[in-house]
Protein backbone atom coordinates (compact mmCIF):
# COMPACT_ATOMS: atom_id res chain seq x y z
CA MET A 1 -15.79 18.78 -11.66
CA ILE A 2 -13.13 20.55 -9.62
CA SER A 3 -9.86 21.24 -11.47
CA LEU A 4 -6.67 19.42 -10.45
CA TYR A 5 -5.00 22.72 -9.50
CA ARG A 6 -7.91 23.85 -7.35
CA LEU A 7 -8.15 20.41 -5.74
CA THR A 8 -4.41 20.35 -4.92
CA THR A 9 -4.56 23.87 -3.49
CA LYS A 10 -7.61 23.04 -1.40
CA ILE A 11 -6.00 19.88 -0.04
CA ALA A 12 -2.86 21.80 0.90
CA CYS A 13 -4.96 24.32 2.84
CA LEU A 14 -6.90 21.53 4.53
CA CYS A 15 -3.73 19.79 5.64
CA CYS A 16 -2.47 22.99 7.29
CA LEU A 17 -5.73 23.31 9.20
CA PHE A 18 -6.07 19.65 10.10
CA CYS A 19 -2.62 19.51 11.69
CA VAL A 20 -3.76 22.07 14.26
CA GLN A 21 -7.19 20.79 15.29
CA GLY A 22 -9.92 18.31 14.48
CA TRP A 23 -12.17 18.92 11.54
CA VAL A 24 -15.52 18.44 9.86
CA LEU A 25 -15.35 18.42 6.07
CA GLU A 26 -18.36 18.94 3.80
CA GLY A 27 -18.64 19.34 0.03
CA ILE A 28 -15.53 17.34 -0.83
CA PRO A 29 -14.91 14.63 -1.90
CA GLN A 30 -17.71 14.25 -4.41
CA THR A 31 -15.92 11.68 -6.57
CA ARG A 32 -13.62 8.72 -5.98
CA GLU A 33 -10.76 10.62 -7.63
CA GLU A 34 -11.11 13.44 -5.10
CA ALA A 35 -11.27 10.89 -2.26
CA LEU A 36 -8.04 9.22 -3.41
CA SER A 37 -6.33 12.62 -3.75
CA LEU A 38 -7.26 13.40 -0.16
CA GLN A 39 -5.90 10.05 0.98
CA GLU A 40 -2.60 10.59 -0.85
CA ALA A 41 -2.29 13.94 0.96
CA GLY A 42 -2.79 12.19 4.31
CA VAL A 43 -6.35 13.44 4.85
CA ALA A 44 -8.06 10.32 6.20
CA PRO A 45 -11.33 10.68 8.16
CA ASN A 46 -12.12 8.61 11.23
CA HIS A 47 -15.85 8.81 10.46
CA VAL A 48 -17.71 9.36 7.21
CA VAL A 49 -21.44 10.14 7.31
CA LEU A 50 -23.62 9.75 4.23
CA LEU A 51 -26.92 11.63 4.62
CA GLU A 52 -29.56 9.96 2.46
CA ALA A 53 -33.06 11.01 1.40
CA PRO A 54 -35.38 10.40 -1.57
CA ASP A 55 -34.81 12.65 -4.58
CA ALA A 56 -38.33 14.11 -4.27
CA VAL A 57 -37.57 15.25 -0.71
CA LEU A 58 -34.23 16.75 -1.74
CA ILE A 59 -35.82 18.68 -4.59
CA GLU A 60 -38.54 20.01 -2.30
CA ARG A 61 -35.99 21.10 0.27
CA SER A 62 -33.85 22.85 -2.29
CA GLN A 63 -36.72 24.75 -3.90
CA GLY A 64 -38.24 25.83 -0.56
CA LYS A 65 -35.20 27.45 1.02
CA ARG A 66 -35.38 31.06 2.22
CA ILE A 67 -32.58 33.14 3.70
CA ASP A 68 -32.53 35.99 6.19
CA PRO A 69 -30.23 38.64 4.61
CA VAL A 70 -29.58 40.19 8.02
CA THR A 71 -28.47 37.15 9.99
CA GLY A 72 -27.69 34.74 7.17
CA ASP A 73 -29.93 32.10 8.78
CA VAL A 74 -31.56 29.63 6.40
CA TYR A 75 -35.24 28.70 6.69
CA HIS A 76 -37.66 26.56 4.75
CA VAL A 77 -41.28 27.15 3.83
CA THR A 78 -42.24 23.67 5.02
CA PHE A 79 -39.70 22.40 7.52
CA ILE A 80 -38.21 25.39 9.34
CA TRP A 81 -40.22 28.64 9.44
CA PRO A 82 -39.43 31.58 11.76
CA GLU A 83 -41.94 32.63 14.40
CA ASP A 84 -40.85 36.29 14.28
CA LYS A 85 -43.01 38.16 11.73
CA GLU A 86 -40.24 40.71 11.06
CA VAL A 87 -37.92 37.90 10.07
CA VAL A 88 -40.63 36.41 7.85
CA GLN A 89 -41.09 39.72 6.02
CA ARG A 90 -37.44 40.11 5.13
CA LEU A 91 -36.82 36.52 4.03
CA GLU A 92 -35.56 36.16 0.48
CA ARG A 93 -35.70 33.23 -1.90
CA GLN A 94 -32.27 31.67 -1.99
CA LYS A 95 -30.64 31.66 -5.37
CA THR A 96 -30.77 28.02 -6.34
CA VAL A 97 -30.41 26.00 -9.49
CA SER A 98 -33.49 25.09 -11.50
CA GLU A 99 -35.28 21.83 -10.89
CA GLU A 100 -33.84 20.43 -14.12
CA GLN A 101 -30.31 21.34 -13.03
CA LEU A 102 -30.92 19.84 -9.59
CA VAL A 103 -32.12 16.58 -11.14
CA ALA A 104 -28.93 16.47 -13.22
CA GLN A 105 -26.84 17.01 -10.08
CA LEU A 106 -28.67 14.23 -8.27
CA MET A 107 -28.06 11.85 -11.18
CA GLN A 108 -24.36 12.70 -11.04
CA HIS A 109 -24.36 12.06 -7.30
CA HIS A 110 -25.97 8.65 -7.74
CA ARG A 111 -23.32 7.74 -10.32
CA GLU A 112 -20.48 8.65 -7.94
CA VAL A 113 -21.84 7.55 -4.57
CA HIS A 114 -21.26 3.81 -5.08
CA ALA A 115 -17.52 4.35 -5.61
CA LEU A 116 -17.40 6.65 -2.58
CA ARG A 117 -19.10 3.99 -0.49
CA LYS A 118 -16.44 1.47 -1.50
CA THR A 119 -13.63 3.93 -0.82
CA TYR A 120 -14.84 4.69 2.71
CA ARG A 121 -16.53 1.36 3.46
CA ASN A 122 -14.50 0.80 6.63
CA CYS A 123 -15.61 4.02 8.33
CA LEU A 124 -18.86 5.01 6.60
CA LYS A 125 -22.37 5.14 8.05
CA GLY A 126 -25.49 6.01 6.09
CA ILE A 127 -28.10 8.02 7.99
CA ASP A 128 -31.68 8.72 6.92
CA ALA A 129 -31.92 12.50 6.51
CA ASP A 130 -35.67 12.41 5.83
CA GLN A 131 -36.54 13.06 9.46
CA PRO A 132 -36.41 16.01 11.89
CA HIS A 133 -32.99 17.63 11.85
CA VAL A 134 -32.65 17.18 15.62
CA ASP A 135 -32.97 13.41 15.22
CA VAL A 136 -30.47 13.42 12.35
CA PHE A 137 -28.00 15.38 14.48
CA ASP A 138 -28.38 12.97 17.41
CA GLN A 139 -27.64 9.97 15.17
CA VAL A 140 -24.63 11.65 13.56
CA LEU A 141 -23.25 12.72 16.94
CA THR A 142 -23.67 9.21 18.37
CA TYR A 143 -21.75 7.78 15.44
CA ILE A 144 -18.84 10.23 15.48
CA LEU A 145 -18.39 9.81 19.23
CA SER A 146 -17.84 6.11 18.68
CA ARG A 147 -14.34 4.78 18.15
CA HIS A 148 -13.42 2.86 14.99
CA CYS A 149 -9.92 1.51 14.86
CA SER A 150 -7.84 -1.61 14.48
CA VAL A 151 -7.77 -3.98 17.46
CA ALA A 152 -4.01 -3.59 17.38
CA PRO A 153 -2.59 -1.06 19.88
CA HIS A 154 -1.24 1.17 17.11
CA THR A 155 -1.56 1.42 13.34
CA PRO A 156 0.94 -1.22 12.20
CA ARG A 157 3.07 -0.83 9.09
CA VAL A 158 4.91 -4.12 8.88
CA LEU A 159 7.63 -5.34 6.50
CA LEU A 160 8.44 -9.05 6.31
CA PHE A 161 11.74 -10.24 4.85
CA GLY A 162 12.98 -13.78 4.49
CA PRO A 163 14.33 -16.34 2.02
CA PRO A 164 11.94 -18.44 -0.10
CA GLY A 165 10.11 -20.96 2.08
CA SER A 166 10.48 -18.95 5.30
CA GLY A 167 6.72 -18.55 5.62
CA LYS A 168 6.28 -14.85 4.84
CA SER A 169 2.90 -15.38 3.15
CA LEU A 170 1.51 -17.47 6.01
CA GLN A 171 2.71 -15.10 8.73
CA ALA A 172 1.36 -12.09 6.85
CA LYS A 173 -2.00 -13.85 6.58
CA LEU A 174 -2.06 -14.62 10.32
CA ILE A 175 -1.16 -11.03 11.25
CA SER A 176 -3.74 -9.64 8.86
CA GLN A 177 -6.50 -11.89 10.18
CA LYS A 178 -5.87 -11.21 13.87
CA TYR A 179 -5.35 -7.45 13.67
CA ASN A 180 -7.60 -6.62 10.70
CA ILE A 181 -4.79 -4.97 8.76
CA VAL A 182 -4.24 -5.13 5.01
CA ASN A 183 -2.18 -8.05 3.71
CA LEU A 184 -0.14 -6.96 0.68
CA CYS A 185 1.89 -9.45 -1.31
CA CYS A 186 3.70 -7.52 -4.04
CA GLY A 187 3.59 -10.42 -6.49
CA GLU A 188 -0.14 -10.97 -6.04
CA LEU A 189 -0.76 -7.23 -6.37
CA LEU A 190 1.08 -7.15 -9.71
CA GLU A 191 -0.90 -10.15 -10.95
CA ALA A 192 -4.16 -8.43 -10.00
CA VAL A 193 -3.19 -5.22 -11.77
CA SER A 194 -2.13 -7.10 -14.93
CA ALA A 195 -5.56 -8.75 -15.02
CA ASP A 196 -7.31 -5.37 -15.06
CA VAL A 197 -7.99 -3.59 -18.32
CA THR A 198 -5.96 -0.51 -17.44
CA ASN A 199 -2.95 1.23 -18.95
CA MET A 200 -0.69 0.00 -16.15
CA GLY A 201 -2.11 -3.51 -16.43
CA GLU A 202 -1.31 -3.62 -20.12
CA LEU A 203 2.20 -2.28 -19.45
CA ILE A 204 3.22 -4.89 -16.89
CA LYS A 205 1.45 -7.89 -18.46
CA PRO A 206 4.26 -8.69 -20.96
CA TYR A 207 6.84 -8.73 -18.15
CA LEU A 208 4.81 -11.16 -16.05
CA GLU A 209 3.95 -13.44 -18.98
CA SER A 210 7.59 -13.69 -20.04
CA GLY A 211 8.89 -14.13 -16.50
CA GLN A 212 10.88 -10.89 -16.61
CA GLN A 213 11.16 -8.56 -13.64
CA VAL A 214 8.74 -5.63 -13.74
CA PRO A 215 10.69 -2.32 -13.70
CA ASP A 216 11.04 -0.81 -10.24
CA SER A 217 9.37 2.43 -11.31
CA MET A 218 6.19 0.57 -12.31
CA VAL A 219 6.18 -1.61 -9.19
CA LEU A 220 6.65 1.42 -6.95
CA GLN A 221 3.86 3.32 -8.68
CA ILE A 222 1.44 0.41 -8.24
CA LEU A 223 2.49 -0.26 -4.66
CA THR A 224 2.38 3.34 -3.42
CA GLU A 225 -1.05 3.81 -4.97
CA ARG A 226 -2.28 0.76 -3.05
CA LEU A 227 -0.63 1.84 0.21
CA SER A 228 -2.29 5.26 -0.14
CA ARG A 229 -5.79 3.85 -0.06
CA LEU A 230 -7.95 4.42 2.97
CA ASP A 231 -7.87 0.85 4.29
CA CYS A 232 -4.07 0.93 4.47
CA THR A 233 -3.83 4.42 5.99
CA THR A 234 -6.42 3.75 8.69
CA ARG A 235 -6.02 0.04 9.48
CA GLY A 236 -2.33 -0.47 8.73
CA TRP A 237 -0.61 -3.00 6.47
CA VAL A 238 1.77 -5.93 6.31
CA LEU A 239 3.92 -6.04 3.16
CA HIS A 240 6.04 -8.87 1.76
CA GLY A 241 7.71 -9.45 -1.59
CA PHE A 242 8.96 -5.85 -1.78
CA PRO A 243 11.48 -4.35 -1.36
CA ARG A 244 13.98 -6.95 -2.54
CA ASP A 245 17.11 -4.80 -2.51
CA LEU A 246 18.51 -1.61 -0.99
CA GLU A 247 17.54 0.63 -3.92
CA GLN A 248 13.91 -0.48 -3.78
CA ALA A 249 13.85 -0.02 0.00
CA GLU A 250 15.24 3.51 -0.27
CA LYS A 251 12.68 4.42 -2.94
CA LEU A 252 9.91 3.12 -0.69
CA GLN A 253 11.20 5.31 2.14
CA GLU A 254 11.44 8.32 -0.19
CA SER A 255 7.77 7.78 -1.02
CA ASN A 256 7.11 8.26 2.73
CA PHE A 257 5.96 4.69 3.36
CA ILE A 258 8.09 3.94 6.40
CA PRO A 259 7.44 0.71 8.31
CA SER A 260 6.86 0.76 12.05
CA ARG A 261 8.06 -2.85 12.33
CA VAL A 262 10.52 -4.84 10.24
CA PHE A 263 11.03 -8.60 10.66
CA PHE A 264 13.59 -10.92 9.11
CA LEU A 265 12.46 -14.57 9.08
CA GLU A 266 15.70 -16.53 9.21
CA MET A 267 16.45 -20.08 8.15
CA THR A 268 19.26 -22.02 6.48
CA ASP A 269 19.37 -22.83 2.78
CA ASP A 270 19.05 -26.55 3.53
CA VAL A 271 15.72 -25.99 5.29
CA ALA A 272 14.54 -23.71 2.48
CA ILE A 273 15.34 -26.39 -0.11
CA GLU A 274 13.50 -29.02 1.92
CA ARG A 275 10.43 -26.82 2.35
CA VAL A 276 10.16 -25.55 -1.22
CA THR A 277 11.23 -28.39 -3.51
CA LEU A 278 9.00 -31.00 -1.82
CA ARG A 279 5.75 -29.06 -1.94
CA SER A 280 2.99 -29.73 -4.47
CA ILE A 281 -0.65 -28.96 -5.21
CA ASP A 282 -3.74 -31.02 -6.00
CA PRO A 283 -5.14 -29.58 -9.28
CA VAL A 284 -8.61 -30.94 -8.46
CA THR A 285 -9.12 -29.48 -4.98
CA GLY A 286 -6.45 -26.77 -4.90
CA GLU A 287 -5.14 -28.26 -1.64
CA LYS A 288 -1.40 -27.88 -1.01
CA TYR A 289 0.76 -30.78 0.21
CA HIS A 290 4.34 -31.47 1.25
CA SER A 291 6.14 -34.79 0.95
CA LEU A 292 7.37 -34.62 4.59
CA TYR A 293 5.11 -32.24 6.52
CA LYS A 294 1.76 -32.88 4.83
CA PRO A 295 1.76 -35.93 2.54
CA ALA A 296 -1.14 -36.77 0.24
CA PRO A 297 -3.98 -38.56 2.08
CA SER A 298 -4.34 -41.31 -0.52
CA PRO A 299 -2.55 -42.90 -3.50
CA GLU A 300 -5.22 -41.41 -5.77
CA VAL A 301 -4.39 -37.88 -4.66
CA GLN A 302 -0.66 -38.64 -4.76
CA THR A 303 -0.78 -39.62 -8.44
CA ARG A 304 -2.39 -36.37 -9.53
CA LEU A 305 -0.21 -33.97 -7.52
CA GLN A 306 1.61 -31.32 -9.54
CA PHE A 307 4.87 -29.55 -8.79
CA ASN A 308 5.43 -25.94 -9.72
CA PRO A 309 8.47 -25.51 -12.03
CA LYS A 310 9.32 -22.38 -10.02
CA ASP A 311 9.95 -24.66 -7.03
CA SER A 312 12.77 -26.55 -8.73
CA GLU A 313 16.05 -26.69 -6.82
CA ALA A 314 17.94 -24.82 -9.55
CA GLN A 315 15.40 -21.98 -9.54
CA LEU A 316 15.39 -21.88 -5.74
CA LEU A 317 19.17 -21.71 -5.50
CA ARG A 318 19.15 -18.65 -7.78
CA GLN A 319 16.51 -16.99 -5.57
CA LEU A 320 18.48 -17.79 -2.42
CA LYS A 321 21.65 -16.34 -3.91
CA GLU A 322 19.80 -13.14 -4.80
CA TYR A 323 18.22 -12.90 -1.35
CA TRP A 324 21.47 -13.29 0.56
CA ALA A 325 23.24 -10.85 -1.76
CA ASN A 326 20.82 -8.13 -0.62
CA ALA A 327 20.04 -9.21 2.96
CA SER A 328 23.02 -7.49 4.58
CA SER A 329 22.35 -4.06 3.07
CA LEU A 330 18.64 -4.32 3.94
CA GLN A 331 19.53 -5.20 7.54
CA ASP A 332 21.79 -2.15 7.68
CA LEU A 333 18.94 0.06 6.45
CA TYR A 334 16.64 -1.31 9.17
CA PRO A 335 18.94 -1.58 12.22
CA GLU A 336 16.01 -2.02 14.63
CA ALA A 337 14.60 -4.97 12.67
CA VAL A 338 13.68 -8.07 14.64
CA HIS A 339 15.20 -11.40 13.58
CA ILE A 340 12.93 -14.42 14.04
CA ASN A 341 13.90 -18.09 13.76
CA ALA A 342 11.59 -19.37 11.01
CA ASP A 343 12.77 -22.97 11.34
CA GLN A 344 10.06 -23.90 13.84
CA ASP A 345 6.30 -24.44 14.03
CA PRO A 346 4.42 -21.65 12.17
CA HIS A 347 2.33 -20.78 15.24
CA THR A 348 5.48 -20.45 17.34
CA VAL A 349 6.88 -18.09 14.70
CA PHE A 350 3.64 -16.10 14.82
CA GLU A 351 3.81 -15.81 18.60
CA SER A 352 7.34 -14.42 18.30
CA LEU A 353 6.22 -11.93 15.65
CA GLU A 354 3.16 -10.93 17.65
CA SER A 355 5.09 -10.27 20.85
CA ARG A 356 7.21 -7.68 19.04
CA LEU A 357 4.32 -6.35 16.97
CA VAL A 358 2.15 -5.57 19.99
CA GLY A 359 4.94 -4.26 22.22
CA ARG A 360 5.49 -0.57 21.46
CA LEU A 361 9.01 0.55 20.63
CA GLN A 362 10.48 3.67 22.20
CA ASN A 363 10.30 5.65 18.98
CA ASP A 364 6.65 4.75 18.20
CA ALA A 365 4.48 7.77 17.50
């Protein structure tokens, strides 16, 4: 296992090189931890190739290697043998690990490769390496010459702001589905982390269970770790539910997660109250209803509908007061933000969002 110091130093050197030209990286990462460290440093590959072969073939290849000490060329007693007799005479057995050590290394690889597959699942291709090396090269070259990117015209990093009931969750879902970018709701992310048996999950669980606000430092740590993952760095993201105030927004910027688009979904408090306090859910089917916009289809369903205590008018008024207390300073921080009228059909709102999401701004990279 590579040490943290050596890994950090190696990543720093790689970043210097990668800024100048393209690159092919081999030998790292070998574990998910190394892959995440690379991502956090901004090293995100466009293509990842996993060369696969049976263990018996790999052991045979390793044990049969020979090296030319003059040219440094590598040969193999079975697969690649030089025609020049002089070269054959000076070939030396390459210093390799024993078969027992190689088996141990292969077992370690098999333990790690599943996590690596998940980490790079959006840009990874497995290729059968148990075939002539020319054929392997052709398949690898064909893959890396292909383009793999979001259908959006640039990598979007979108922030959605708006009062409760403005439709942030729905619009984020629509954007995510159409452009294949990552939909991140801060509240849902915290719930998912608290459900995991991890140190951070155990730390934030008491706050969520008691209804208290999770400390900003913990939220930021969880959120930046998620934004650093490969799917976010390569496909883009749409974030809602954070930041809620100027201090949180500044900390997000200091962490170098700067949105390329910011939208404020605007509506009056009266509309917010109408939208939120009249909504309910069917505990049997999970279907959501609204007394005005989507009433229950039958008296039977109507009688079993449940209302979330968080949607009470008193609770909503507190949330609205908090939102408007911070909205002005957030708007000042994002002077190029786009303001969208959210008091209209959701698909009309989405069309307005999309027109500004697709159109490139002058300062886009």
